[in-house]
Amino acid sequence: MILRFSQDLVLTSLISSGKIILVLGARQVGKTTIVKEISKKLEKEGRKVMYLNCDLSEDISVINTTSGSVLEMLLSNIDVLLIDEAQRLDNPGLTLKIIYDNFKHVKVLATGSSSFDLKNKLSDPLTGRYIDFTLYPLSFSEGLGVEEFASEVLFKTKADALLPQTILYGLYPEVYLEKSILQKQALLERIVESYLFKDILTFQRVKNSQAIKNLTKALAYQIGSEVNENELANRLKIDRKTVVSYLEILEKAYVIVSVHPYSKNPRREIGGRYKIYFVDLGIRNAIIGDFNSLDLRKDIGFLWENFLFVERRKKFANSGKSLASNFWRSYSGAEVDYLEKTASEDLKAFEFKYGKGALSKGAGTFTKDYGTAVNLINGQNYLDFIR
């Protein structure tokens, strides 16, 4: 059992916030495990808990209603209602709204695997009535666990041993726990075909299944690089509007994350193009069929950048904090890999290097223009950045 750092935060919010709690994330990242662990804790406290998995037709039939009288019979003796894969209900937003408005004694937690589907159905009916959390695959820190180490040196030794496996195979829980390299690869291929693309292709806006698969593969080859929508459209022989639509779907299905440029001087800095990173590097490597060791990889710099970016997002998501992320590049070519701004802290800037090396000239240019020092993140200090 791997401790998920966001579990206690979700549980506390469920009990004390007075809101419906939504836990969103891709399939197989551990949403059901968290819900079941929360259920065990609540039952130990003596609360009456109902758990429904809407992947099962018999469970859907129990809750798939907007009838107040039916819901009253269902919930009269229930303290906590847990609904897995709520997007499968005919009208989840209205069902949850009726529960929230009429059954104040019931605490509700619902999970969903595709925010394009679930949030579309929830946003209007549940305005002001919910708090949502994003659950990613395991964070690197969760993979390391909460074991106590005699020294920081021993801890870093364990982390450095886990790092290559993480960059190659990612951190989906089932993949992480599997010891066999061949089975890791097989599991990743199954997740890609049976879960990620299966969910995406059932979405009504996807008219061309091969095109979105080709687009995903094209993106996998250019992680950390700026996306040119017109170039992708020409290469894939589809129109630009379709590219934009499919990019949105991939992001809302938790396959990719887009990062936009930071700019206060449009005349000197790029503004339109954005970068794409993959939520899980194992999924990315499975899509292009490349699990070669890191010392053979020509894309190691981009893999390192993707790893650090996503782990930083996980760190903030697991603590329930919001984070604005950007990169910076001027028309002259000066660049900074990663900028972030939180509600409580000023702008921070970072440059990522897998190997040894000093800060780039672009970092100096950014510091001169903005008065913000750029921090170098490499193999020596990456743990301070992500844990």
Protein backbone atom coordinates (compact mmCIF):
# COMPACT_ATOMS: atom_id res chain seq x y z
CA MET A 1 0.00 0.00 0.00
CA ILE A 2 1.52 3.32 -1.10
CA LEU A 3 0.55 6.35 0.96
CA ARG A 4 -1.00 9.04 -1.25
CA PHE A 5 -0.14 12.45 0.13
CA SER A 6 -3.44 14.04 -0.91
CA GLN A 7 -5.62 11.43 0.82
CA ASP A 8 -5.84 13.17 4.19
CA LEU A 9 -6.50 16.51 2.49
CA VAL A 10 -9.39 15.00 0.52
CA LEU A 11 -10.79 13.32 3.65
CA THR A 12 -10.57 16.51 5.72
CA SER A 13 -12.28 18.52 2.97
CA LEU A 14 -15.04 15.92 2.69
CA ILE A 15 -15.82 16.03 6.41
CA SER A 16 -15.36 19.72 7.16
CA SER A 17 -15.93 21.80 4.01
CA GLY A 18 -19.66 21.32 3.53
CA LYS A 19 -19.03 20.94 -0.21
CA ILE A 20 -19.24 18.07 -2.66
CA ILE A 21 -15.70 16.76 -3.22
CA LEU A 22 -14.60 15.81 -6.73
CA VAL A 23 -11.43 13.79 -7.33
CA LEU A 24 -10.47 13.93 -11.01
CA GLY A 25 -7.72 12.12 -12.84
CA ALA A 26 -6.93 9.55 -15.52
CA ARG A 27 -7.92 5.94 -15.11
CA GLN A 28 -5.53 3.71 -13.18
CA VAL A 29 -3.91 6.55 -11.19
CA GLY A 30 -5.40 5.38 -7.88
CA LYS A 31 -8.70 7.23 -7.42
CA THR A 32 -10.60 4.10 -6.40
CA THR A 33 -7.88 3.12 -3.95
CA ILE A 34 -8.09 6.51 -2.23
CA VAL A 35 -11.89 6.34 -2.09
CA LYS A 36 -11.82 2.87 -0.54
CA GLU A 37 -9.20 3.90 2.03
CA ILE A 38 -11.34 6.90 2.96
CA SER A 39 -14.35 4.58 3.24
CA LYS A 40 -12.47 2.32 5.68
CA LYS A 41 -11.47 5.24 7.88
CA LEU A 42 -15.00 6.64 7.99
CA GLU A 43 -16.54 3.26 8.78
CA LYS A 44 -14.06 2.81 11.64
CA GLU A 45 -15.37 6.10 13.03
CA GLY A 46 -18.88 4.65 12.97
CA ARG A 47 -20.18 6.57 9.96
CA LYS A 48 -22.61 4.87 7.58
CA VAL A 49 -20.94 4.84 4.15
CA MET A 50 -22.37 3.91 0.75
CA TYR A 51 -19.85 3.19 -2.03
CA LEU A 52 -21.06 2.96 -5.64
CA ASN A 53 -18.88 2.15 -8.66
CA CYS A 54 -20.54 3.46 -11.80
CA ASP A 55 -18.46 1.17 -13.99
CA LEU A 56 -20.91 -1.48 -12.73
CA SER A 57 -24.41 -1.40 -14.21
CA GLU A 58 -26.04 -2.52 -10.96
CA ASP A 59 -24.43 0.38 -9.09
CA ILE A 60 -25.40 2.90 -11.77
CA SER A 61 -29.03 1.81 -11.51
CA VAL A 62 -29.01 2.61 -7.80
CA ILE A 63 -27.97 6.27 -8.13
CA ASN A 64 -28.83 7.18 -11.74
CA THR A 65 -31.87 9.29 -10.87
CA THR A 66 -33.01 12.87 -10.33
CA SER A 67 -36.05 11.79 -8.32
CA GLY A 68 -36.07 13.34 -4.87
CA SER A 69 -38.21 10.56 -3.41
CA VAL A 70 -35.93 7.82 -4.75
CA LEU A 71 -32.87 9.60 -3.41
CA GLU A 72 -34.56 10.07 -0.05
CA MET A 73 -35.16 6.31 0.28
CA LEU A 74 -31.55 5.67 -0.74
CA LEU A 75 -29.88 8.20 1.55
CA SER A 76 -32.12 8.35 4.62
CA ASN A 77 -29.69 6.26 6.70
CA ILE A 78 -26.44 7.25 4.96
CA ASP A 79 -23.79 9.64 6.32
CA VAL A 80 -21.34 9.53 3.42
CA LEU A 81 -21.92 8.79 -0.27
CA LEU A 82 -18.92 7.80 -2.40
CA ILE A 83 -19.48 7.62 -6.19
CA ASP A 84 -16.72 6.25 -8.44
CA GLU A 85 -16.68 7.25 -12.14
CA ALA A 86 -19.61 9.64 -11.73
CA GLN A 87 -19.38 10.80 -15.36
CA ARG A 88 -21.20 7.61 -16.35
CA LEU A 89 -24.45 8.86 -14.79
CA ASP A 90 -26.98 10.35 -17.21
CA ASN A 91 -27.06 13.67 -15.37
CA PRO A 92 -24.43 13.64 -12.61
CA GLY A 93 -24.54 17.40 -12.07
CA LEU A 94 -28.26 17.51 -11.39
CA THR A 95 -28.20 14.33 -9.28
CA LEU A 96 -25.44 15.73 -7.08
CA LYS A 97 -27.13 19.14 -6.90
CA ILE A 98 -30.36 17.55 -5.63
CA ILE A 99 -28.39 15.62 -3.00
CA TYR A 100 -26.46 18.73 -1.94
CA ASP A 101 -29.56 20.93 -1.71
CA ASN A 102 -31.93 18.46 -0.06
CA PHE A 103 -29.84 16.03 2.00
CA LYS A 104 -27.52 18.22 4.04
CA HIS A 105 -26.61 15.37 6.38
CA VAL A 106 -24.92 13.45 3.53
CA LYS A 107 -21.27 14.07 2.71
CA VAL A 108 -20.53 13.37 -0.97
CA LEU A 109 -17.31 12.45 -2.75
CA ALA A 110 -17.36 11.68 -6.49
CA THR A 111 -14.54 10.68 -8.82
CA GLY A 112 -14.24 11.08 -12.57
CA SER A 113 -11.73 9.99 -15.20
CA SER A 114 -12.28 12.64 -17.84
CA SER A 115 -12.72 16.27 -16.95
CA PHE A 116 -14.03 17.11 -20.43
CA ASP A 117 -16.96 14.82 -19.71
CA LEU A 118 -17.57 15.21 -15.99
CA LYS A 119 -16.92 18.93 -15.63
CA ASN A 120 -19.14 19.71 -18.62
CA LYS A 121 -21.95 17.92 -16.82
CA LEU A 122 -21.21 19.41 -13.41
CA SER A 123 -20.09 23.01 -13.84
CA ASP A 124 -23.47 24.71 -14.18
CA PRO A 125 -25.58 22.65 -11.73
CA LEU A 126 -22.86 22.59 -9.06
CA THR A 127 -21.58 26.15 -9.23
CA GLY A 128 -20.31 27.05 -5.76
CA ARG A 129 -21.18 23.61 -4.43
CA TYR A 130 -17.97 21.64 -4.97
CA ILE A 131 -14.21 21.51 -4.39
CA ASP A 132 -12.16 19.57 -6.93
CA PHE A 133 -8.80 17.84 -6.60
CA THR A 134 -6.63 16.42 -9.38
CA LEU A 135 -5.03 13.06 -8.69
CA TYR A 136 -1.94 12.38 -10.80
CA PRO A 137 0.01 9.14 -11.06
CA LEU A 138 2.29 8.64 -8.06
CA SER A 139 4.64 11.49 -7.33
CA PHE A 140 8.34 10.66 -7.12
CA SER A 141 8.16 11.41 -3.37
CA GLU A 142 5.23 9.00 -2.93
CA GLY A 143 7.26 6.36 -4.77
CA LEU A 144 10.13 6.88 -2.36
CA GLY A 145 7.71 6.45 0.55
CA VAL A 146 7.85 7.76 4.11
CA GLU A 147 10.69 5.52 5.27
CA GLU A 148 13.09 7.17 7.71
CA PHE A 149 16.72 7.36 6.57
CA ALA A 150 19.78 7.71 8.79
CA SER A 151 21.14 10.45 6.57
CA GLU A 152 20.26 12.63 3.60
CA VAL A 153 23.00 10.83 1.66
CA LEU A 154 21.21 7.48 2.01
CA PHE A 155 17.92 9.06 1.00
CA LYS A 156 19.45 10.55 -2.14
CA THR A 157 21.06 7.20 -2.96
CA LYS A 158 17.62 5.58 -2.97
CA ALA A 159 16.17 8.46 -4.99
CA ASP A 160 18.95 8.29 -7.60
CA ALA A 161 18.36 4.54 -7.96
CA LEU A 162 14.63 5.12 -8.58
CA LEU A 163 15.13 8.01 -11.00
CA PRO A 164 15.99 6.11 -14.24
CA GLN A 165 13.05 3.74 -13.75
CA THR A 166 10.73 6.71 -13.21
CA ILE A 167 11.89 8.55 -16.33
CA LEU A 168 11.52 5.42 -18.47
CA TYR A 169 8.37 3.80 -17.05
CA GLY A 170 6.61 6.61 -15.23
CA LEU A 171 4.67 6.34 -11.99
CA TYR A 172 1.31 4.77 -12.67
CA PRO A 173 0.84 2.75 -9.45
CA GLU A 174 0.45 -0.66 -11.09
CA VAL A 175 3.46 -0.04 -13.33
CA TYR A 176 5.58 1.23 -10.45
CA LEU A 177 4.83 -1.85 -8.31
CA GLU A 178 5.59 -4.32 -11.12
CA LYS A 179 9.15 -5.68 -10.90
CA SER A 180 9.48 -7.15 -14.40
CA ILE A 181 10.66 -4.69 -17.05
CA LEU A 182 8.75 -6.52 -19.78
CA GLN A 183 5.59 -6.48 -17.71
CA LYS A 184 6.01 -2.75 -17.04
CA GLN A 185 6.09 -2.16 -20.78
CA ALA A 186 3.08 -4.42 -21.36
CA LEU A 187 1.09 -2.63 -18.64
CA LEU A 188 1.87 0.76 -20.15
CA GLU A 189 0.78 -0.38 -23.60
CA ARG A 190 -2.47 -1.69 -22.11
CA ILE A 191 -3.13 1.58 -20.27
CA VAL A 192 -2.58 3.54 -23.49
CA GLU A 193 -4.90 1.44 -25.62
CA SER A 194 -7.49 0.20 -23.14
CA TYR A 195 -7.93 3.23 -20.93
CA LEU A 196 -6.54 6.51 -22.24
CA PHE A 197 -7.52 6.18 -25.89
CA LYS A 198 -10.66 4.21 -25.07
CA ASP A 199 -11.97 7.11 -22.97
CA ILE A 200 -10.84 9.70 -25.50
CA LEU A 201 -12.39 7.94 -28.48
CA THR A 202 -15.79 7.65 -26.80
CA PHE A 203 -15.92 11.43 -26.57
CA GLN A 204 -18.24 12.77 -29.26
CA ARG A 205 -15.88 15.44 -30.58
CA VAL A 206 -13.37 12.82 -31.78
CA LYS A 207 -14.29 12.08 -35.38
CA ASN A 208 -10.97 10.59 -36.51
CA SER A 209 -9.47 8.08 -34.09
CA GLN A 210 -6.25 7.58 -36.07
CA ALA A 211 -5.67 11.34 -36.30
CA ILE A 212 -5.74 11.86 -32.54
CA LYS A 213 -3.39 8.89 -32.06
CA ASN A 214 -1.02 10.33 -34.65
CA LEU A 215 -1.23 13.72 -32.98
CA THR A 216 -0.38 12.22 -29.60
CA LYS A 217 2.62 10.46 -31.10
CA ALA A 218 3.79 13.67 -32.78
CA LEU A 219 3.56 15.49 -29.46
CA ALA A 220 5.51 12.71 -27.75
CA TYR A 221 8.42 13.35 -30.10
CA GLN A 222 8.52 17.05 -29.26
CA ILE A 223 8.01 17.31 -25.50
CA GLY A 224 9.43 20.52 -24.14
CA SER A 225 9.37 22.16 -27.58
CA GLU A 226 6.96 24.83 -28.73
CA VAL A 227 3.86 23.57 -30.50
CA ASN A 228 3.11 24.84 -33.99
CA GLU A 229 -0.55 24.04 -34.64
CA ASN A 230 -0.37 24.79 -38.36
CA GLU A 231 2.66 22.56 -38.79
CA LEU A 232 0.94 19.72 -36.96
CA ALA A 233 -2.18 20.17 -39.11
CA ASN A 234 -0.14 19.97 -42.32
CA ARG A 235 1.82 16.95 -41.16
CA LEU A 236 -1.27 15.03 -40.02
CA LYS A 237 -3.41 16.20 -42.96
CA ILE A 238 -6.19 17.57 -40.76
CA ASP A 239 -7.33 21.17 -40.29
CA ARG A 240 -5.96 23.43 -37.57
CA LYS A 241 -9.30 23.63 -35.72
CA THR A 242 -9.26 19.85 -35.34
CA VAL A 243 -5.71 19.97 -33.99
CA VAL A 244 -6.74 22.58 -31.41
CA SER A 245 -9.81 20.57 -30.45
CA TYR A 246 -7.83 17.33 -30.05
CA LEU A 247 -5.13 19.07 -28.01
CA GLU A 248 -7.85 20.27 -25.63
CA ILE A 249 -9.27 16.76 -25.35
CA LEU A 250 -5.83 15.24 -24.65
CA GLU A 251 -5.26 17.77 -21.90
CA LYS A 252 -8.65 17.24 -20.31
CA ALA A 253 -8.09 13.48 -20.47
CA TYR A 254 -4.92 13.97 -18.37
CA VAL A 255 -2.53 12.83 -21.11
CA ILE A 256 -0.72 16.14 -21.65
CA VAL A 257 -0.25 19.52 -19.98
CA SER A 258 0.17 22.76 -21.93
CA VAL A 259 2.46 25.52 -20.69
CA HIS A 260 2.19 29.04 -22.03
CA PRO A 261 4.88 31.71 -22.32
CA TYR A 262 5.36 34.43 -19.76
CA SER A 263 5.45 37.88 -21.25
CA LYS A 264 5.34 41.49 -20.11
CA ASN A 265 6.92 42.88 -23.26
CA PRO A 266 5.17 41.43 -26.36
CA ARG A 267 7.47 43.27 -28.74
CA ARG A 268 10.51 41.41 -27.40
CA GLU A 269 9.03 38.14 -26.22
CA ILE A 270 7.07 35.33 -27.87
CA GLY A 271 3.42 35.17 -26.95
CA GLY A 272 1.42 32.71 -29.04
CA ARG A 273 3.15 29.35 -28.98
CA TYR A 274 3.13 27.02 -26.02
CA LYS A 275 4.90 23.87 -24.86
CA ILE A 276 3.48 20.42 -24.22
CA TYR A 277 4.55 17.98 -21.50
CA PHE A 278 3.19 14.50 -20.76
CA VAL A 279 1.55 13.85 -17.41
CA ASP A 280 3.41 10.52 -17.25
CA LEU A 281 6.69 9.72 -19.00
CA GLY A 282 5.94 6.00 -19.09
CA ILE A 283 2.86 6.75 -21.21
CA ARG A 284 4.93 9.03 -23.44
CA ASN A 285 7.64 6.39 -23.96
CA ALA A 286 5.03 3.70 -24.63
CA ILE A 287 3.38 5.86 -27.31
CA ILE A 288 6.64 6.12 -29.27
CA GLY A 289 7.82 2.61 -28.32
CA ASP A 290 11.14 3.75 -26.84
CA PHE A 291 12.30 2.27 -23.53
CA ASN A 292 16.02 2.47 -24.23
CA SER A 293 18.19 3.25 -21.20
CA LEU A 294 18.92 6.88 -20.40
CA ASP A 295 22.57 6.71 -21.47
CA LEU A 296 21.40 5.87 -25.01
CA ARG A 297 18.73 8.56 -25.24
CA LYS A 298 19.14 11.63 -27.38
CA ASP A 299 16.03 13.10 -25.76
CA ILE A 300 17.28 12.90 -22.17
CA GLY A 301 17.30 16.68 -21.75
CA PHE A 302 13.63 16.89 -22.71
CA LEU A 303 12.77 13.89 -20.51
CA TRP A 304 14.49 15.57 -17.57
CA GLU A 305 12.59 18.80 -18.20
CA ASN A 306 9.27 16.93 -18.44
CA PHE A 307 10.03 14.97 -15.25
CA LEU A 308 10.79 18.07 -13.19
CA PHE A 309 7.84 20.05 -14.54
CA VAL A 310 5.27 17.34 -13.79
CA GLU A 311 6.72 16.48 -10.39
CA ARG A 312 6.52 20.13 -9.39
CA ARG A 313 2.82 20.16 -10.36
CA LYS A 314 2.21 16.98 -8.36
CA LYS A 315 3.89 18.53 -5.34
CA PHE A 316 1.48 21.47 -5.33
CA ALA A 317 -1.58 19.38 -6.24
CA ASN A 318 -0.90 16.98 -3.36
CA SER A 319 -0.86 19.88 -0.91
CA GLY A 320 -4.01 21.49 -2.35
CA LYS A 321 -2.18 24.62 -3.53
CA SER A 322 -2.70 26.39 -6.84
CA LEU A 323 0.22 27.10 -9.13
CA ALA A 324 0.67 29.19 -12.27
CA SER A 325 3.40 27.78 -14.53
CA ASN A 326 5.06 29.35 -17.56
CA PHE A 327 8.26 29.39 -19.58
CA TRP A 328 10.02 32.44 -21.04
CA ARG A 329 11.68 33.05 -24.37
CA SER A 330 12.59 36.22 -26.20
CA TYR A 331 12.64 36.68 -29.96
CA SER A 332 16.44 36.82 -29.73
CA GLY A 333 16.47 33.23 -28.42
CA ALA A 334 17.06 33.81 -24.71
CA GLU A 335 15.07 31.26 -22.72
CA VAL A 336 14.21 30.16 -19.18
CA ASP A 337 12.69 26.67 -18.81
CA TYR A 338 10.25 27.22 -16.00
CA LEU A 339 8.59 30.09 -14.14
CA GLU A 340 6.05 29.79 -11.37
CA LYS A 341 3.85 32.09 -9.33
CA THR A 342 1.73 31.19 -6.33
CA ALA A 343 -0.77 33.23 -4.37
CA SER A 344 1.66 33.67 -1.48
CA GLU A 345 5.03 33.96 -3.25
CA ASP A 346 6.66 36.15 -5.86
CA LEU A 347 7.71 34.93 -9.30
CA LYS A 348 10.37 32.20 -9.27
CA ALA A 349 12.52 31.10 -12.21
CA PHE A 350 14.34 27.82 -12.87
CA GLU A 351 16.58 26.29 -15.50
CA PHE A 352 16.78 22.51 -15.85
CA LYS A 353 19.99 20.65 -16.78
CA TYR A 354 20.32 16.87 -16.68
CA GLY A 355 24.11 16.94 -16.73
CA LYS A 356 26.68 19.34 -15.41
CA GLY A 357 26.61 22.89 -16.63
CA ALA A 358 26.15 26.50 -15.66
CA LEU A 359 23.17 28.77 -16.17
CA SER A 360 22.62 29.90 -19.74
CA LYS A 361 23.05 33.45 -21.04
CA GLY A 362 19.26 33.52 -21.33
CA ALA A 363 19.01 33.20 -17.55
CA GLY A 364 21.18 36.28 -17.19
CA THR A 365 19.02 38.19 -19.67
CA PHE A 366 15.86 37.26 -17.76
CA THR A 367 17.36 38.32 -14.43
CA LYS A 368 18.43 41.63 -15.93
CA ASP A 369 14.98 42.30 -17.40
CA TYR A 370 12.86 41.11 -14.47
CA GLY A 371 15.10 41.30 -11.42
CA THR A 372 14.40 37.65 -10.60
CA ALA A 373 17.29 35.25 -10.11
CA VAL A 374 17.16 31.97 -12.06
CA ASN A 375 17.85 28.80 -10.05
CA LEU A 376 19.64 25.85 -11.64
CA ILE A 377 18.04 22.44 -11.03
CA ASN A 378 20.21 19.41 -11.83
CA GLY A 379 20.97 15.90 -10.64
CA GLN A 380 22.47 17.21 -7.42
CA ASN A 381 19.61 19.30 -6.07
CA TYR A 382 16.44 18.05 -7.84
CA LEU A 383 15.01 16.52 -4.65
CA ASP A 384 14.78 19.95 -3.05
CA PHE A 385 12.69 21.07 -6.04
CA ILE A 386 10.17 18.23 -6.18
CA ARG A 387 9.65 16.82 -2.68
